[in-house]
PDB file of all heavy atoms in Angstrom:
ATOM      1  N   LEU A   1     109.738 106.850 106.307  1.00  0.00           N
ATOM      2  CA  LEU A   1     111.119 106.414 106.223  1.00  0.00           C
ATOM      3  C   LEU A   1     111.782 106.298 107.602  1.00  0.00           C
ATOM      4  O   LEU A   1     112.582 105.407 107.871  1.00  0.00           O
ATOM      5  CB  LEU A   1     111.908 107.366 105.375  1.00  0.00           C
ATOM      6  CG  LEU A   1     111.626 107.457 103.904  1.00  0.00           C
ATOM      7  CD1 LEU A   1     112.554 108.428 103.229  1.00  0.00           C
ATOM      8  CD2 LEU A   1     111.717 106.076 103.265  1.00  0.00           C
ATOM      9  N   GLY A   2     111.478 107.252 108.467  1.00  0.00           N
ATOM     10  CA  GLY A   2     112.124 107.330 109.732  1.00  0.00           C
ATOM     11  C   GLY A   2     111.940 106.087 110.563  1.00  0.00           C
ATOM     12  O   GLY A   2     112.896 105.577 111.201  1.00  0.00           O
ATOM     13  N   GLU A   3     110.746 105.525 110.531  1.00  0.00           N
ATOM     14  CA  GLU A   3     110.501 104.323 111.306  1.00  0.00           C
ATOM     15  C   GLU A   3     111.405 103.180 110.848  1.00  0.00           C
ATOM     16  O   GLU A   3     112.009 102.480 111.663  1.00  0.00           O
ATOM     17  CB  GLU A   3     109.046 103.931 111.168  1.00  0.00           C
ATOM     18  CG  GLU A   3     108.676 102.666 111.937  1.00  0.00           C
ATOM     19  CD  GLU A   3     107.246 102.216 111.726  1.00  0.00           C
ATOM     20  OE1 GLU A   3     106.500 102.940 110.993  1.00  0.00           O
ATOM     21  OE2 GLU A   3     106.823 101.172 112.316  1.00  0.00           O
ATOM     22  N   LYS A   4     111.482 102.981 109.520  1.00  0.00           N
ATOM     23  CA  LYS A   4     112.295 101.891 108.986  1.00  0.00           C
ATOM     24  C   LYS A   4     113.800 102.128 109.094  1.00  0.00           C
ATOM     25  O   LYS A   4     114.553 101.194 109.422  1.00  0.00           O
ATOM     26  CB  LYS A   4     111.928 101.655 107.502  1.00  0.00           C
ATOM     27  CG  LYS A   4     110.474 101.293 107.257  1.00  0.00           C
ATOM     28  CD  LYS A   4     110.148  99.945 107.829  1.00  0.00           C
ATOM     29  CE  LYS A   4     108.732  99.493 107.474  1.00  0.00           C
ATOM     30  NZ  LYS A   4     108.410  98.164 108.037  1.00  0.00           N
ATOM     31  N   VAL A   5     114.228 103.354 108.856  1.00  0.00           N
ATOM     32  CA  VAL A   5     115.630 103.670 108.977  1.00  0.00           C
ATOM     33  C   VAL A   5     116.090 103.561 110.413  1.00  0.00           C
ATOM     34  O   VAL A   5     117.230 103.051 110.698  1.00  0.00           O
ATOM     35  CB  VAL A   5     115.949 105.069 108.438  1.00  0.00           C
ATOM     36  CG1 VAL A   5     117.400 105.484 108.713  1.00  0.00           C
ATOM     37  CG2 VAL A   5     115.681 105.148 106.906  1.00  0.00           C
ATOM     38  N   GLY A   6     115.251 103.991 111.340  1.00  0.00           N
ATOM     39  CA  GLY A   6     115.604 103.872 112.725  1.00  0.00           C
ATOM     40  C   GLY A   6     115.781 102.388 113.174  1.00  0.00           C
ATOM     41  O   GLY A   6     116.688 102.037 113.933  1.00  0.00           O
ATOM     42  N   GLN A   7     114.905 101.548 112.598  1.00  0.00           N
ATOM     43  CA  GLN A   7     115.054 100.076 112.968  1.00  0.00           C
ATOM     44  C   GLN A   7     116.386  99.566 112.383  1.00  0.00           C
ATOM     45  O   GLN A   7     117.031  98.775 113.080  1.00  0.00           O
ATOM     46  CB  GLN A   7     113.895  99.347 112.333  1.00  0.00           C
ATOM     47  CG  GLN A   7     112.529  99.631 113.007  1.00  0.00           C
ATOM     48  CD  GLN A   7     111.354  99.028 112.254  1.00  0.00           C
ATOM     49  OE1 GLN A   7     111.522  98.356 111.202  1.00  0.00           O
ATOM     50  NE2 GLN A   7     110.159  99.239 112.731  1.00  0.00           N
ATOM     51  N   ALA A   8     116.751  99.978 111.218  1.00  0.00           N
ATOM     52  CA  ALA A   8     118.006  99.495 110.626  1.00  0.00           C
ATOM     53  C   ALA A   8     119.206 100.004 111.389  1.00  0.00           C
ATOM     54  O   ALA A   8     120.227  99.264 111.515  1.00  0.00           O
ATOM     55  CB  ALA A   8     118.121  99.973 109.128  1.00  0.00           C
ATOM     56  N   LEU A   9     119.156 101.193 111.881  1.00  0.00           N
ATOM     57  CA  LEU A   9     120.294 101.808 112.596  1.00  0.00           C
ATOM     58  C   LEU A   9     120.318 101.409 114.100  1.00  0.00           C
ATOM     59  O   LEU A   9     121.349 101.628 114.752  1.00  0.00           O
ATOM     60  CB  LEU A   9     120.281 103.316 112.478  1.00  0.00           C
ATOM     61  CG  LEU A   9     120.531 103.859 111.092  1.00  0.00           C
ATOM     62  CD1 LEU A   9     120.368 105.374 111.092  1.00  0.00           C
ATOM     63  CD2 LEU A   9     121.943 103.512 110.585  1.00  0.00           C
ATOM     64  N   GLY A  10     119.247 100.885 114.598  1.00  0.00           N
ATOM     65  CA  GLY A  10     119.186 100.522 116.021  1.00  0.00           C
ATOM     66  C   GLY A  10     118.957 101.667 116.919  1.00  0.00           C
ATOM     67  O   GLY A  10     119.120 101.537 118.176  1.00  0.00           O
ATOM     68  N   GLN A  11     118.547 102.810 116.402  1.00  0.00           N
ATOM     69  CA  GLN A  11     118.235 103.962 117.231  1.00  0.00           C
ATOM     70  C   GLN A  11     116.980 104.612 116.637  1.00  0.00           C
ATOM     71  O   GLN A  11     116.792 104.667 115.430  1.00  0.00           O
ATOM     72  CB  GLN A  11     119.358 104.948 117.217  1.00  0.00           C
ATOM     73  CG  GLN A  11     120.622 104.536 118.017  1.00  0.00           C
ATOM     74  CD  GLN A  11     120.340 104.519 119.532  1.00  0.00           C
ATOM     75  OE1 GLN A  11     119.398 105.113 120.030  1.00  0.00           O
ATOM     76  NE2 GLN A  11     121.207 103.782 120.236  1.00  0.00           N
ATOM     77  N   PRO A  12     116.106 105.184 117.511  1.00  0.00           N
ATOM     78  CA  PRO A  12     114.898 105.828 116.913  1.00  0.00           C
ATOM     79  C   PRO A  12     115.209 107.127 116.189  1.00  0.00           C
ATOM     80  O   PRO A  12     116.163 107.833 116.549  1.00  0.00           O
ATOM     81  CB  PRO A  12     114.072 106.098 118.237  1.00  0.00           C
ATOM     82  CG  PRO A  12     115.072 106.166 119.354  1.00  0.00           C
ATOM     83  CD  PRO A  12     116.157 105.167 118.962  1.00  0.00           C
ATOM     84  N   ILE A  13     114.414 107.343 115.114  1.00  0.00           N
ATOM     85  CA  ILE A  13     114.474 108.612 114.406  1.00  0.00           C
ATOM     86  C   ILE A  13     113.358 109.485 114.975  1.00  0.00           C
ATOM     87  O   ILE A  13     112.182 109.090 114.955  1.00  0.00           O
ATOM     88  CB  ILE A  13     114.228 108.407 112.899  1.00  0.00           C
ATOM     89  CG1 ILE A  13     115.294 107.462 112.301  1.00  0.00           C
ATOM     90  CG2 ILE A  13     114.226 109.749 112.183  1.00  0.00           C
ATOM     91  CD1 ILE A  13     116.685 107.980 112.295  1.00  0.00           C
ATOM     92  N   VAL A  14     113.714 110.631 115.525  1.00  0.00           N
ATOM     93  CA  VAL A  14     112.753 111.553 116.141  1.00  0.00           C
ATOM     94  C   VAL A  14     112.407 112.648 115.119  1.00  0.00           C
ATOM     95  O   VAL A  14     113.305 113.438 114.712  1.00  0.00           O
ATOM     96  CB  VAL A  14     113.294 112.180 117.391  1.00  0.00           C
ATOM     97  CG1 VAL A  14     112.280 113.140 117.985  1.00  0.00           C
ATOM     98  CG2 VAL A  14     113.680 111.070 118.394  1.00  0.00           C
ATOM     99  N   ILE A  15     111.178 112.728 114.650  1.00  0.00           N
ATOM    100  CA  ILE A  15     110.714 113.711 113.726  1.00  0.00           C
ATOM    101  C   ILE A  15     110.432 114.999 114.514  1.00  0.00           C
ATOM    102  O   ILE A  15     109.610 115.021 115.405  1.00  0.00           O
ATOM    103  CB  ILE A  15     109.499 113.290 112.922  1.00  0.00           C
ATOM    104  CG1 ILE A  15     109.766 111.924 112.216  1.00  0.00           C
ATOM    105  CG2 ILE A  15     109.112 114.315 111.925  1.00  0.00           C
ATOM    106  CD1 ILE A  15     110.889 111.966 111.235  1.00  0.00           C
ATOM    107  N   GLU A  16     111.042 116.109 114.068  1.00  0.00           N
ATOM    108  CA  GLU A  16     110.816 117.407 114.676  1.00  0.00           C
ATOM    109  C   GLU A  16     110.293 118.350 113.604  1.00  0.00           C
ATOM    110  O   GLU A  16     111.014 118.715 112.686  1.00  0.00           O
ATOM    111  CB  GLU A  16     112.145 117.952 115.263  1.00  0.00           C
ATOM    112  CG  GLU A  16     112.020 119.232 115.977  1.00  0.00           C
ATOM    113  CD  GLU A  16     113.322 119.678 116.672  1.00  0.00           C
ATOM    114  OE1 GLU A  16     113.993 118.828 117.259  1.00  0.00           O
ATOM    115  OE2 GLU A  16     113.684 120.834 116.490  1.00  0.00           O
ATOM    116  N   ASN A  17     109.062 118.774 113.760  1.00  0.00           N
ATOM    117  CA  ASN A  17     108.421 119.684 112.795  1.00  0.00           C
ATOM    118  C   ASN A  17     108.697 121.137 113.134  1.00  0.00           C
ATOM    119  O   ASN A  17     108.420 121.565 114.257  1.00  0.00           O
ATOM    120  CB  ASN A  17     106.943 119.502 112.711  1.00  0.00           C
ATOM    121  CG  ASN A  17     106.579 118.099 112.190  1.00  0.00           C
ATOM    122  OD1 ASN A  17     106.383 117.145 112.977  1.00  0.00           O
ATOM    123  ND2 ASN A  17     106.419 117.951 110.907  1.00  0.00           N
ATOM    124  N   ARG A  18     109.277 121.865 112.185  1.00  0.00           N
ATOM    125  CA  ARG A  18     109.567 123.321 112.416  1.00  0.00           C
ATOM    126  C   ARG A  18     109.086 124.032 111.171  1.00  0.00           C
ATOM    127  O   ARG A  18     109.902 124.303 110.237  1.00  0.00           O
ATOM    128  CB  ARG A  18     111.047 123.592 112.665  1.00  0.00           C
ATOM    129  CG  ARG A  18     111.542 123.052 114.006  1.00  0.00           C
ATOM    130  CD  ARG A  18     112.762 123.776 114.436  1.00  0.00           C
ATOM    131  NE  ARG A  18     113.377 123.242 115.632  1.00  0.00           N
ATOM    132  CZ  ARG A  18     114.415 123.800 116.248  1.00  0.00           C
ATOM    133  NH1 ARG A  18     114.928 124.901 115.779  1.00  0.00           N
ATOM    134  NH2 ARG A  18     114.881 123.259 117.335  1.00  0.00           N
ATOM    135  N   ALA A  19     107.811 124.352 111.105  1.00  0.00           N
ATOM    136  CA  ALA A  19     107.230 124.958 109.935  1.00  0.00           C
ATOM    137  C   ALA A  19     107.385 126.497 109.983  1.00  0.00           C
ATOM    138  O   ALA A  19     107.624 127.101 111.043  1.00  0.00           O
ATOM    139  CB  ALA A  19     105.759 124.586 109.865  1.00  0.00           C
ATOM    140  N   GLY A  20     107.230 127.092 108.786  1.00  0.00           N
ATOM    141  CA  GLY A  20     107.206 128.587 108.735  1.00  0.00           C
ATOM    142  C   GLY A  20     108.226 129.151 107.780  1.00  0.00           C
ATOM    143  O   GLY A  20     109.240 128.499 107.452  1.00  0.00           O
ATOM    144  N   ALA A  21     107.944 130.382 107.345  1.00  0.00           N
ATOM    145  CA  ALA A  21     108.819 131.152 106.473  1.00  0.00           C
ATOM    146  C   ALA A  21     109.238 130.389 105.205  1.00  0.00           C
ATOM    147  O   ALA A  21     110.397 130.408 104.820  1.00  0.00           O
ATOM    148  CB  ALA A  21     110.057 131.553 107.263  1.00  0.00           C
ATOM    149  N   GLY A  22     108.253 129.754 104.577  1.00  0.00           N
ATOM    150  CA  GLY A  22     108.561 129.011 103.352  1.00  0.00           C
ATOM    151  C   GLY A  22     109.593 127.953 103.543  1.00  0.00           C
ATOM    152  O   GLY A  22     110.448 127.723 102.682  1.00  0.00           O
ATOM    153  N   HIS A  23     109.531 127.236 104.674  1.00  0.00           N
ATOM    154  CA  HIS A  23     110.450 126.163 105.054  1.00  0.00           C
ATOM    155  C   HIS A  23     111.800 126.646 105.575  1.00  0.00           C
ATOM    156  O   HIS A  23     112.628 125.821 105.968  1.00  0.00           O
ATOM    157  CB  HIS A  23     110.689 125.205 103.862  1.00  0.00           C
ATOM    158  CG  HIS A  23     109.453 124.539 103.361  1.00  0.00           C
ATOM    159  ND1 HIS A  23     109.486 123.461 102.478  1.00  0.00           N
ATOM    160  CD2 HIS A  23     108.131 124.767 103.592  1.00  0.00           C
ATOM    161  CE1 HIS A  23     108.296 123.103 102.159  1.00  0.00           C
ATOM    162  NE2 HIS A  23     107.433 123.861 102.845  1.00  0.00           N
ATOM    163  N   ALA A  24     112.045 127.934 105.580  1.00  0.00           N
ATOM    164  CA  ALA A  24     113.348 128.452 105.992  1.00  0.00           C
ATOM    165  C   ALA A  24     113.661 128.283 107.438  1.00  0.00           C
ATOM    166  O   ALA A  24     114.823 128.133 107.833  1.00  0.00           O
ATOM    167  CB  ALA A  24     113.482 129.943 105.544  1.00  0.00           C
ATOM    168  N   ILE A  25     112.624 128.287 108.289  1.00  0.00           N
ATOM    169  CA  ILE A  25     112.856 128.158 109.738  1.00  0.00           C
ATOM    170  C   ILE A  25     113.450 126.796 110.067  1.00  0.00           C
ATOM    171  O   ILE A  25     114.455 126.671 110.776  1.00  0.00           O
ATOM    172  CB  ILE A  25     111.562 128.406 110.503  1.00  0.00           C
ATOM    173  CG1 ILE A  25     111.163 129.889 110.447  1.00  0.00           C
ATOM    174  CG2 ILE A  25     111.706 127.982 111.994  1.00  0.00           C
ATOM    175  CD1 ILE A  25     109.845 130.207 111.099  1.00  0.00           C
ATOM    176  N   GLY A  26     112.822 125.750 109.568  1.00  0.00           N
ATOM    177  CA  GLY A  26     113.316 124.409 109.828  1.00  0.00           C
ATOM    178  C   GLY A  26     114.630 124.142 109.192  1.00  0.00           C
ATOM    179  O   GLY A  26     115.483 123.503 109.800  1.00  0.00           O
ATOM    180  N   THR A  27     114.855 124.661 107.968  1.00  0.00           N
ATOM    181  CA  THR A  27     116.090 124.427 107.283  1.00  0.00           C
ATOM    182  C   THR A  27     117.255 125.158 107.982  1.00  0.00           C
ATOM    183  O   THR A  27     118.356 124.651 108.037  1.00  0.00           O
ATOM    184  CB  THR A  27     115.988 124.915 105.807  1.00  0.00           C
ATOM    185  OG1 THR A  27     114.841 124.292 105.223  1.00  0.00           O
ATOM    186  CG2 THR A  27     117.205 124.514 105.032  1.00  0.00           C
ATOM    187  N   GLU A  28     116.988 126.366 108.505  1.00  0.00           N
ATOM    188  CA  GLU A  28     118.012 127.086 109.259  1.00  0.00           C
ATOM    189  C   GLU A  28     118.402 126.293 110.517  1.00  0.00           C
ATOM    190  O   GLU A  28     119.612 126.282 110.904  1.00  0.00           O
ATOM    191  CB  GLU A  28     117.473 128.458 109.685  1.00  0.00           C
ATOM    192  CG  GLU A  28     118.550 129.284 110.458  1.00  0.00           C
ATOM    193  CD  GLU A  28     118.043 130.620 110.953  1.00  0.00           C
ATOM    194  OE1 GLU A  28     116.908 131.010 110.605  1.00  0.00           O
ATOM    195  OE2 GLU A  28     118.780 131.297 111.663  1.00  0.00           O
ATOM    196  N   ALA A  29     117.440 125.628 111.161  1.00  0.00           N
ATOM    197  CA  ALA A  29     117.706 124.824 112.349  1.00  0.00           C
ATOM    198  C   ALA A  29     118.715 123.715 111.998  1.00  0.00           C
ATOM    199  O   ALA A  29     119.576 123.314 112.802  1.00  0.00           O
ATOM    200  CB  ALA A  29     116.472 124.240 112.906  1.00  0.00           C
ATOM    201  N   VAL A  30     118.611 123.145 110.805  1.00  0.00           N
ATOM    202  CA  VAL A  30     119.583 122.104 110.369  1.00  0.00           C
ATOM    203  C   VAL A  30     120.908 122.721 110.162  1.00  0.00           C
ATOM    204  O   VAL A  30     121.965 122.165 110.593  1.00  0.00           O
ATOM    205  CB  VAL A  30     119.070 121.449 109.039  1.00  0.00           C
ATOM    206  CG1 VAL A  30     120.077 120.412 108.554  1.00  0.00           C
ATOM    207  CG2 VAL A  30     117.728 120.808 109.191  1.00  0.00           C
ATOM    208  N   ALA A  31     121.016 123.908 109.517  1.00  0.00           N
ATOM    209  CA  ALA A  31     122.264 124.555 109.263  1.00  0.00           C
ATOM    210  C   ALA A  31     123.004 124.922 110.564  1.00  0.00           C
ATOM    211  O   ALA A  31     124.256 124.841 110.625  1.00  0.00           O
ATOM    212  CB  ALA A  31     122.043 125.854 108.468  1.00  0.00           C
ATOM    213  N   ARG A  32     122.225 125.220 111.643  1.00  0.00           N
ATOM    214  CA  ARG A  32     122.840 125.654 112.892  1.00  0.00           C
ATOM    215  C   ARG A  32     123.174 124.446 113.847  1.00  0.00           C
ATOM    216  O   ARG A  32     123.775 124.654 114.850  1.00  0.00           O
ATOM    217  CB  ARG A  32     121.926 126.627 113.617  1.00  0.00           C
ATOM    218  CG  ARG A  32     121.593 127.866 112.784  1.00  0.00           C
ATOM    219  CD  ARG A  32     122.783 128.833 112.682  1.00  0.00           C
ATOM    220  NE  ARG A  32     122.476 129.909 111.758  1.00  0.00           N
ATOM    221  CZ  ARG A  32     122.938 130.000 110.523  1.00  0.00           C
ATOM    222  NH1 ARG A  32     123.743 129.077 110.054  1.00  0.00           N
ATOM    223  NH2 ARG A  32     122.602 131.012 109.749  1.00  0.00           N
ATOM    224  N   ALA A  33     122.736 123.257 113.490  1.00  0.00           N
ATOM    225  CA  ALA A  33     122.908 122.085 114.309  1.00  0.00           C
ATOM    226  C   ALA A  33     124.406 121.627 114.293  1.00  0.00           C
ATOM    227  O   ALA A  33     125.106 121.866 113.317  1.00  0.00           O
ATOM    228  CB  ALA A  33     122.005 121.003 113.906  1.00  0.00           C
ATOM    229  N   ALA A  34     124.777 120.934 115.338  1.00  0.00           N
ATOM    230  CA  ALA A  34     126.156 120.380 115.367  1.00  0.00           C
ATOM    231  C   ALA A  34     126.289 119.279 114.277  1.00  0.00           C
ATOM    232  O   ALA A  34     125.371 118.479 114.102  1.00  0.00           O
ATOM    233  CB  ALA A  34     126.389 119.762 116.710  1.00  0.00           C
ATOM    234  N   PRO A  35     127.372 119.333 113.572  1.00  0.00           N
ATOM    235  CA  PRO A  35     127.603 118.324 112.493  1.00  0.00           C
ATOM    236  C   PRO A  35     128.161 116.988 113.021  1.00  0.00           C
ATOM    237  O   PRO A  35     129.183 116.523 112.611  1.00  0.00           O
ATOM    238  CB  PRO A  35     128.625 119.010 111.578  1.00  0.00           C
ATOM    239  CG  PRO A  35     129.424 119.835 112.535  1.00  0.00           C
ATOM    240  CD  PRO A  35     128.507 120.327 113.572  1.00  0.00           C
ATOM    241  N   ASP A  36     127.363 116.412 113.961  1.00  0.00           N
ATOM    242  CA  ASP A  36     127.831 115.207 114.647  1.00  0.00           C
ATOM    243  C   ASP A  36     127.120 113.935 114.201  1.00  0.00           C
ATOM    244  O   ASP A  36     127.284 112.847 114.768  1.00  0.00           O
ATOM    245  CB  ASP A  36     127.695 115.404 116.160  1.00  0.00           C
ATOM    246  CG  ASP A  36     126.270 115.731 116.619  1.00  0.00           C
ATOM    247  OD1 ASP A  36     125.366 115.676 115.707  1.00  0.00           O
ATOM    248  OD2 ASP A  36     126.099 115.984 117.796  1.00  0.00           O
ATOM    249  N   GLY A  37     126.262 114.020 113.204  1.00  0.00           N
ATOM    250  CA  GLY A  37     125.538 112.898 112.704  1.00  0.00           C
ATOM    251  C   GLY A  37     124.206 112.617 113.408  1.00  0.00           C
ATOM    252  O   GLY A  37     123.615 111.597 113.180  1.00  0.00           O
ATOM    253  N   TYR A  38     123.833 113.536 114.305  1.00  0.00           N
ATOM    254  CA  TYR A  38     122.571 113.313 115.049  1.00  0.00           C
ATOM    255  C   TYR A  38     121.482 114.333 114.677  1.00  0.00           C
ATOM    256  O   TYR A  38     120.436 114.370 115.301  1.00  0.00           O
ATOM    257  CB  TYR A  38     122.861 113.343 116.537  1.00  0.00           C
ATOM    258  CG  TYR A  38     123.629 112.120 116.990  1.00  0.00           C
ATOM    259  CD1 TYR A  38     125.042 112.187 117.078  1.00  0.00           C
ATOM    260  CD2 TYR A  38     123.021 110.892 117.153  1.00  0.00           C
ATOM    261  CE1 TYR A  38     125.752 111.036 117.406  1.00  0.00           C
ATOM    262  CE2 TYR A  38     123.779 109.761 117.490  1.00  0.00           C
ATOM    263  CZ  TYR A  38     125.100 109.859 117.623  1.00  0.00           C
ATOM    264  OH  TYR A  38     125.811 108.705 117.891  1.00  0.00           O
ATOM    265  N   THR A  39     121.739 115.090 113.633  1.00  0.00           N
ATOM    266  CA  THR A  39     120.662 115.982 113.065  1.00  0.00           C
ATOM    267  C   THR A  39     120.736 115.908 111.543  1.00  0.00           C
ATOM    268  O   THR A  39     121.794 116.079 110.949  1.00  0.00           O
ATOM    269  CB  THR A  39     120.845 117.431 113.498  1.00  0.00           C
ATOM    270  OG1 THR A  39     120.783 117.520 114.913  1.00  0.00           O
ATOM    271  CG2 THR A  39     119.751 118.287 112.886  1.00  0.00           C
TER     272      THR A  39
END
């Protein structure tokens, strides 16, 4: 999806893998990110 959505938006989608703790590590990183539309 990221490849196609990035093309539609005119900006690349960068996939960042943060595995561990039953998915909680990556999900916490989303919760702590700035709510500016870039995460």
